[in-house]
Protein backbone atom coordinates (compact mmCIF):
# COMPACT_ATOMS: atom_id res chain seq x y z
CA MET A 1 -0.20 -0.12 0.11
CA PHE A 2 2.59 2.80 0.80
CA ASN A 3 4.88 1.52 -1.90
CA PHE A 4 1.26 2.17 -4.18
CA CYS A 5 0.92 5.92 -2.65
CA LYS A 6 4.80 6.38 -3.08
CA ASP A 7 4.66 5.75 -6.81
CA THR A 8 1.37 8.23 -7.16
CA PHE A 9 2.88 10.64 -5.28
CA PHE A 10 6.36 10.92 -7.06
CA LYS A 11 3.79 10.54 -10.57
CA ASN A 12 1.45 13.58 -8.88
CA ILE A 13 5.10 15.88 -8.57
CA TYR A 14 6.47 15.15 -11.62
CA LEU A 15 2.55 15.73 -13.69
CA PHE A 16 2.67 19.11 -12.16
CA LEU A 17 6.05 19.82 -12.81
CA ILE A 18 5.85 19.54 -16.56
CA ILE A 19 2.26 21.53 -16.31
CA VAL A 20 4.20 24.39 -14.73
CA PHE A 21 6.76 23.79 -17.52
CA LEU A 22 4.44 23.86 -19.86
CA LEU A 23 1.98 27.32 -18.41
CA THR A 24 5.90 29.30 -17.94
CA ALA A 25 6.51 28.71 -21.73
CA LEU A 26 2.82 29.94 -22.82
CA SER A 27 3.30 32.32 -21.12
CA GLY A 28 6.84 33.45 -22.36
CA CYS A 29 5.71 33.18 -25.75
CA GLY A 30 2.80 35.59 -24.51
CA LYS A 31 4.52 38.25 -23.35
CA LYS A 32 7.01 38.04 -26.72
CA VAL A 33 3.46 38.68 -28.77
CA ASP A 34 2.39 40.73 -26.57
CA GLN A 35 5.81 42.73 -26.88
CA GLU A 36 6.19 42.46 -30.66
CA ALA A 37 2.46 44.10 -31.09
CA VAL A 38 3.73 47.01 -29.27
CA HIS A 39 5.61 47.94 -32.67
CA PRO A 40 3.76 49.80 -35.25
CA VAL A 41 4.17 47.65 -38.04
CA GLY A 42 6.62 49.39 -40.62
CA GLU A 43 8.52 51.13 -37.37
CA ASN A 44 11.57 50.37 -39.47
CA MET A 45 10.52 50.71 -42.59
CA PRO A 46 12.37 54.13 -44.75
CA PRO A 47 9.92 57.78 -44.86
CA ALA A 48 7.96 58.72 -47.30
CA ALA A 49 9.57 60.72 -49.73
CA LYS A 50 8.91 64.16 -49.35
CA TYR A 51 8.58 65.06 -53.15
CA SER A 52 7.56 64.04 -56.39
CA CYS A 53 9.58 64.59 -59.95
CA PRO A 54 7.62 67.63 -61.57
CA LEU A 55 8.22 65.75 -65.00
CA ASP A 56 7.17 61.95 -64.01
CA GLY A 57 5.73 62.86 -60.80
CA ALA A 58 7.87 59.79 -58.71
CA PRO A 59 8.54 60.58 -55.46
CA ILE A 60 11.75 62.02 -54.70
CA ASN A 61 13.25 63.14 -51.30
CA GLU A 62 14.83 65.95 -52.33
CA ILE A 63 14.08 67.96 -55.44
CA PRO A 64 17.88 67.98 -57.93
CA VAL A 65 19.48 71.56 -58.89
CA ARG A 66 18.23 71.82 -62.95
CA PRO A 67 17.63 69.29 -65.23
CA ILE A 68 19.33 68.18 -68.59
CA ALA A 69 18.59 68.35 -71.17
CA VAL A 70 20.99 65.70 -74.16
CA THR A 71 20.19 65.47 -78.04
CA ILE A 72 20.85 61.89 -79.17
CA ASP A 73 20.89 60.53 -82.47
CA ASN A 74 17.80 58.65 -83.98
CA PHE A 75 19.28 57.11 -87.80
CA SER A 76 20.03 53.83 -87.80
CA SER A 77 23.18 53.90 -87.76
CA ALA A 78 22.41 55.33 -84.62
CA ARG A 79 20.36 52.49 -83.51
CA PRO A 80 20.74 51.16 -80.27
CA GLN A 81 20.53 53.99 -78.11
CA SER A 82 22.08 54.37 -74.38
CA GLY A 83 20.38 55.85 -71.85
CA LEU A 84 16.69 56.54 -73.29
CA ASP A 85 15.44 54.48 -70.93
CA GLN A 86 16.87 56.52 -67.87
CA ALA A 87 15.58 59.54 -69.13
CA ASP A 88 12.60 60.99 -66.92
CA LEU A 89 10.49 62.51 -70.12
CA VAL A 90 11.52 62.29 -74.06
CA TYR A 91 10.49 63.91 -77.10
CA GLU A 92 10.78 62.40 -80.81
CA VAL A 93 11.35 65.49 -82.94
CA PRO A 94 11.58 65.22 -86.61
CA VAL A 95 15.05 67.08 -88.46
CA GLU A 96 16.33 66.95 -91.94
CA GLY A 97 16.34 63.59 -94.15
CA GLY A 98 12.33 62.30 -93.23
CA ILE A 99 14.36 61.23 -89.66
CA THR A 100 14.20 62.37 -86.34
CA ARG A 101 16.10 62.80 -82.93
CA TYR A 102 15.72 62.61 -79.22
CA LEU A 103 16.23 64.90 -76.31
CA ALA A 104 16.39 62.95 -73.28
CA ILE A 105 15.58 65.20 -69.45
CA PHE A 106 17.53 63.51 -67.12
CA PHE A 107 15.99 65.42 -63.74
CA HIS A 108 16.45 62.29 -61.04
CA GLY A 109 17.17 59.98 -63.40
CA GLU A 110 20.94 59.28 -63.69
CA ALA A 111 22.39 56.98 -66.77
CA LYS A 112 26.19 56.57 -66.46
CA THR A 113 25.56 55.64 -70.74
CA ILE A 114 23.62 58.57 -72.50
CA GLY A 115 23.84 58.84 -76.81
CA PRO A 116 25.46 59.09 -79.29
CA VAL A 117 24.83 62.42 -78.47
CA ARG A 118 24.45 64.93 -81.99
CA SER A 119 24.08 68.75 -82.83
CA ALA A 120 21.84 71.22 -81.73
CA ARG A 121 18.50 72.40 -83.56
CA PRO A 122 17.08 76.00 -82.46
CA TYR A 123 13.29 74.35 -81.50
CA LEU A 124 15.22 71.51 -79.85
CA ILE A 125 16.97 74.36 -77.77
CA ASP A 126 13.41 76.00 -77.31
CA LEU A 127 12.30 72.33 -75.66
CA ALA A 128 14.94 72.59 -73.35
CA ARG A 129 14.34 75.68 -71.97
CA GLU A 130 10.89 74.98 -71.23
CA TRP A 131 12.22 72.57 -68.35
CA ASP A 132 15.45 75.49 -68.07
CA ALA A 133 17.81 72.30 -68.66
CA VAL A 134 21.06 72.69 -69.38
CA TYR A 135 21.39 71.41 -73.21
CA ILE A 136 23.80 69.38 -74.15
CA HIS A 137 24.85 68.54 -77.81
CA VAL A 138 28.32 68.90 -80.53
CA GLY A 139 28.07 71.41 -82.90
CA GLN A 140 24.50 72.69 -84.26
CA SER A 141 23.24 73.90 -86.62
CA PRO A 142 23.52 77.11 -89.08
CA GLN A 143 19.67 78.56 -86.91
CA ALA A 144 20.92 77.29 -83.63
CA GLN A 145 24.31 78.93 -84.04
CA ALA A 146 22.54 82.27 -84.57
CA TYR A 147 20.48 80.99 -81.39
CA PHE A 148 23.26 80.79 -79.14
CA ALA A 149 24.88 84.38 -79.72
CA GLN A 150 21.08 85.78 -79.62
CA ASN A 151 20.35 84.23 -76.67
CA LYS A 152 21.79 83.60 -73.43
CA ILE A 153 21.13 79.60 -73.56
CA ALA A 154 22.73 77.46 -70.71
CA HIS A 155 24.31 74.63 -72.84
CA ILE A 156 27.22 72.24 -73.13
CA ASN A 157 29.16 71.74 -76.37
CA GLU A 158 31.07 68.97 -76.82
CA MET A 159 33.49 70.72 -79.78
CA LEU A 160 34.00 73.33 -77.03
CA HIS A 161 34.01 70.71 -73.33
CA SER A 162 35.50 67.56 -74.85
CA SER A 163 35.72 66.07 -70.55
CA GLY A 164 32.81 65.67 -70.66
CA PHE A 165 32.02 62.89 -73.27
CA TRP A 166 33.84 60.20 -74.75
CA ARG A 167 34.45 58.31 -78.03
CA ASP A 168 32.56 54.51 -78.43
CA LYS A 169 35.76 52.69 -80.82
CA SER A 170 33.20 50.07 -81.18
CA ARG A 171 30.73 52.42 -83.82
CA LYS A 172 31.46 54.98 -86.33
CA ALA A 173 31.57 58.72 -86.32
CA PRO A 174 29.88 60.26 -85.98
CA TYR A 175 27.36 58.00 -84.47
CA ASN A 176 29.93 57.30 -81.25
CA LEU A 177 29.72 60.15 -79.53
CA TYR A 178 28.69 59.40 -75.06
CA THR A 179 28.27 61.62 -71.97
CA GLY A 180 26.24 59.93 -69.26
CA THR A 181 24.43 62.32 -65.86
CA ASP A 182 27.98 62.18 -63.65
CA SER A 183 30.40 63.40 -66.54
CA LEU A 184 27.65 66.09 -66.41
CA TRP A 185 27.50 67.31 -63.50
CA GLN A 186 30.99 67.50 -62.96
CA GLU A 187 31.36 69.94 -66.21
CA ILE A 188 28.05 71.98 -65.05
CA ASN A 189 29.69 72.44 -61.79
CA LYS A 190 32.71 73.21 -63.72
CA LEU A 191 31.06 76.08 -66.16
CA GLY A 192 29.34 77.32 -63.42
CA LEU A 193 26.02 76.27 -64.77
CA ASN A 194 24.55 74.60 -62.07
CA LYS A 195 21.65 76.95 -61.02
CA LYS A 196 18.89 76.01 -58.93
CA VAL A 197 15.62 76.27 -60.53
CA SER A 198 12.24 74.97 -60.29
CA PRO A 199 10.63 73.52 -62.97
CA GLU A 200 6.53 73.51 -63.78
CA GLY A 201 5.50 70.32 -63.61
CA TYR A 202 3.09 68.17 -65.16
CA SER A 203 -0.20 67.27 -63.82
CA PHE A 204 -0.24 63.96 -62.05
CA ARG A 205 -3.91 61.62 -61.05
CA LYS A 206 -3.69 60.02 -57.81
CA GLU A 207 -3.47 55.44 -58.38
CA SER A 208 -7.08 55.51 -57.35
CA GLU A 209 -8.69 57.51 -59.74
CA GLY A 210 -9.42 56.33 -63.25
CA PHE A 211 -8.66 56.98 -66.93
CA ALA A 212 -11.75 58.02 -68.76
CA GLY A 213 -11.12 57.36 -73.01
CA LYS A 214 -11.00 55.47 -75.40
CA THR A 215 -9.48 52.20 -75.73
CA ALA A 216 -6.65 52.04 -77.36
CA LYS A 217 -4.05 48.88 -76.31
CA LYS A 218 -2.38 50.25 -79.42
CA LEU A 219 -0.76 52.60 -81.05
CA ILE A 220 0.86 53.38 -84.68
CA ILE A 221 3.02 56.60 -85.64
CA SER A 222 3.82 56.39 -89.52
CA TYR A 223 7.57 58.57 -89.88
CA PRO A 224 9.20 58.20 -93.20
CA TYR A 225 11.97 56.77 -91.20
CA GLY A 226 9.80 53.62 -90.05
CA ARG A 227 6.46 52.59 -88.02
CA VAL A 228 7.26 53.40 -84.33
CA GLY A 229 4.43 51.48 -82.33
CA TYR A 230 3.42 51.40 -78.57
CA GLN A 231 2.18 48.35 -76.95
CA TYR A 232 0.02 48.54 -73.66
CA ASP A 233 0.73 45.39 -71.10
CA ALA A 234 -1.92 45.28 -68.52
CA ASN A 235 0.80 43.38 -66.23
CA THR A 236 3.24 46.50 -65.55
CA GLY A 237 0.99 49.09 -67.07
CA THR A 238 2.56 50.65 -69.95
CA TYR A 239 4.13 50.86 -72.29
CA LEU A 240 6.29 48.76 -74.72
CA ARG A 241 8.58 50.77 -77.11
CA PHE A 242 8.43 48.81 -80.77
CA LEU A 243 9.97 50.16 -84.50
CA ASN A 244 9.03 48.39 -87.46
CA ASN A 245 7.49 45.11 -85.12
CA SER A 246 11.02 45.29 -83.25
CA PRO A 247 10.80 45.65 -80.11
CA TYR A 248 13.16 48.80 -79.40
CA LYS A 249 15.92 47.83 -76.60
CA ASP A 250 18.52 50.11 -75.15
CA ALA A 251 22.13 48.98 -75.99
CA ILE A 252 23.48 48.52 -72.65
CA SER A 253 21.03 46.92 -70.49
CA GLY A 254 19.08 44.88 -73.78
CA ILE A 255 15.51 45.93 -71.78
CA GLN A 256 12.82 47.20 -74.17
CA LEU A 257 11.56 50.72 -73.66
CA SER A 258 8.47 51.05 -71.88
CA VAL A 259 6.42 54.48 -70.74
CA ALA A 260 3.56 55.79 -68.41
CA ASN A 261 2.53 57.94 -71.14
CA VAL A 262 2.54 58.61 -74.64
CA LEU A 263 1.70 62.17 -75.67
CA ILE A 264 1.50 62.91 -79.51
CA GLN A 265 1.57 66.95 -80.09
CA GLN A 266 0.68 67.66 -83.58
CA VAL A 267 2.33 70.96 -84.95
CA SER A 268 3.27 73.24 -87.75
CA ILE A 269 6.48 71.42 -89.68
CA ARG A 270 8.19 72.85 -92.60
CA PRO A 271 12.06 73.04 -94.42
CA PHE A 272 12.93 76.40 -95.20
CA ASP A 273 16.30 75.87 -96.24
CA SER A 274 18.09 74.22 -99.29
CA GLU A 275 19.24 71.75 -96.42
CA GLY A 276 15.80 70.74 -95.76
CA ARG A 277 16.31 72.03 -92.06
CA LEU A 278 13.18 72.46 -90.20
CA GLU A 279 10.88 74.74 -89.02
CA VAL A 280 8.84 73.28 -86.46
CA GLY A 281 5.72 75.31 -84.86
CA LEU A 282 5.99 75.35 -80.82
CA ILE A 283 4.36 78.47 -79.90
CA GLY A 284 0.45 78.76 -80.12
CA LYS A 285 -2.12 76.08 -79.84
CA GLY A 286 -2.41 72.43 -82.04
CA ARG A 287 -4.39 69.10 -81.70
CA ALA A 288 -2.32 66.46 -78.59
CA LEU A 289 -3.28 63.05 -78.33
CA LEU A 290 -3.33 61.18 -74.99
CA PHE A 291 -2.25 57.40 -73.99
CA SER A 292 -2.49 55.95 -70.26
CA ASP A 293 -3.67 52.73 -68.87
CA GLY A 294 -4.56 51.19 -72.38
CA GLN A 295 -6.97 54.86 -73.50
CA VAL A 296 -6.25 58.25 -75.20
CA GLN A 297 -7.96 60.80 -74.64
CA GLU A 298 -7.94 63.74 -77.25
CA GLY A 299 -7.33 66.88 -76.44
CA THR A 300 -5.22 69.80 -77.03
CA TRP A 301 -2.67 71.82 -76.78
CA GLN A 302 -0.72 75.14 -75.36
CA LYS A 303 2.35 77.17 -75.65
CA ASP A 304 1.98 80.85 -74.84
CA SER A 305 6.60 81.74 -74.92
CA THR A 306 9.31 80.22 -75.63
CA THR A 307 10.05 79.52 -71.94
CA HIS A 308 6.05 78.96 -71.00
CA ARG A 309 5.73 75.22 -70.75
CA THR A 310 3.87 73.50 -73.11
CA ARG A 311 0.39 72.49 -71.28
CA PHE A 312 -2.09 69.50 -72.70
CA TYR A 313 -5.64 70.10 -72.21
CA ASP A 314 -8.44 67.57 -72.13
CA GLN A 315 -12.10 68.31 -74.78
CA THR A 316 -13.69 70.31 -71.06
CA GLY A 317 -10.34 72.00 -71.24
CA VAL A 318 -8.18 70.89 -68.35
CA GLU A 319 -5.36 69.99 -67.88
CA MET A 320 -4.81 66.50 -68.76
CA GLN A 321 -3.64 64.44 -65.67
CA MET A 322 -0.56 61.95 -66.58
CA LYS A 323 0.23 58.96 -65.12
CA THR A 324 3.14 58.49 -62.79
CA GLY A 325 6.16 57.26 -64.61
CA LYS A 326 7.81 58.03 -68.08
CA THR A 327 6.72 60.29 -70.97
CA TRP A 328 7.24 60.33 -74.53
CA ILE A 329 6.26 62.91 -76.53
CA GLN A 330 5.85 62.47 -80.28
CA LEU A 331 5.93 65.72 -82.23
CA ILE A 332 4.26 65.07 -85.31
CA SER A 333 3.26 66.94 -88.26
CA GLY A 334 -0.23 67.57 -89.61
CA GLN A 335 0.68 64.91 -92.62
CA LEU A 336 1.86 61.79 -90.49
CA GLN A 337 -0.35 58.79 -89.95
CA VAL A 338 -1.50 58.17 -86.80
CA SER A 339 -3.82 54.89 -85.57
CA TYR A 340 -4.51 53.38 -82.56
CA GLN A 341 -6.97 50.24 -81.38
């Protein structure tokens, strides 16, 4: 009898100790959960950006000093180009010979390699002036040379300041001159062009706001040099760029270019000299189309003076709301065919 009671006693002690251990462990877990719950979610996350870029609406922690506007060649021998995918805003503008050139605007965007860099035209200078940008080029047309002489333009000409540029020996001149944002900023600081500016930006809609328009999943612009296409990608919410049905890729990354917004700006274009150089009418009013989120809105553009920003309005007269992200502005004549579906 005694042995049985003794065994039972020790068994009860053993069970009691196990229960105490389990309760202590569970209590500890509960305290840990409670302690973790005290800390708000996202406490260690970086603070929200204070500003948004006026060119593409991207969140940024500080406003850069001033934009840089680089003239980039689009002749067949210049492709594929470098750095267009890192620009905040890109213009495609007709030049003589039935081809186009790009004006790539870098504000918060950075690129180690940009090019091929080519020569200036007066209307490219005017587009750069909209943003109070430092204009980058190599050489210029006679008209652009006169423009520089008559106006105080912040610009860097590789022919006069070559240290911020280099030649790619694997490519033939004149399609082998390159630069980069770091190299350019060294030159900008050296030349005292680092004036702080505050460019007036576009209007950007919130993610929760819709974009009402006609369906436009595909856009084709029939330039003399080829068919520029944009195909909407629902997975990324951007338009992928094509040339003659082939993906348009960056030379460095090999990634196809994509943009949040495509703006069509119809302007007056006419040749005015024996070389076929063009006069592009940027001041005044005209037709505009905004492609965004697989939709298109019809509207107008208006520019009151050389230094004023071009404004784009919908059919009700309200300024068009861009989607946050990169924008390409395609300047075309009234004779150029544009189709979408």
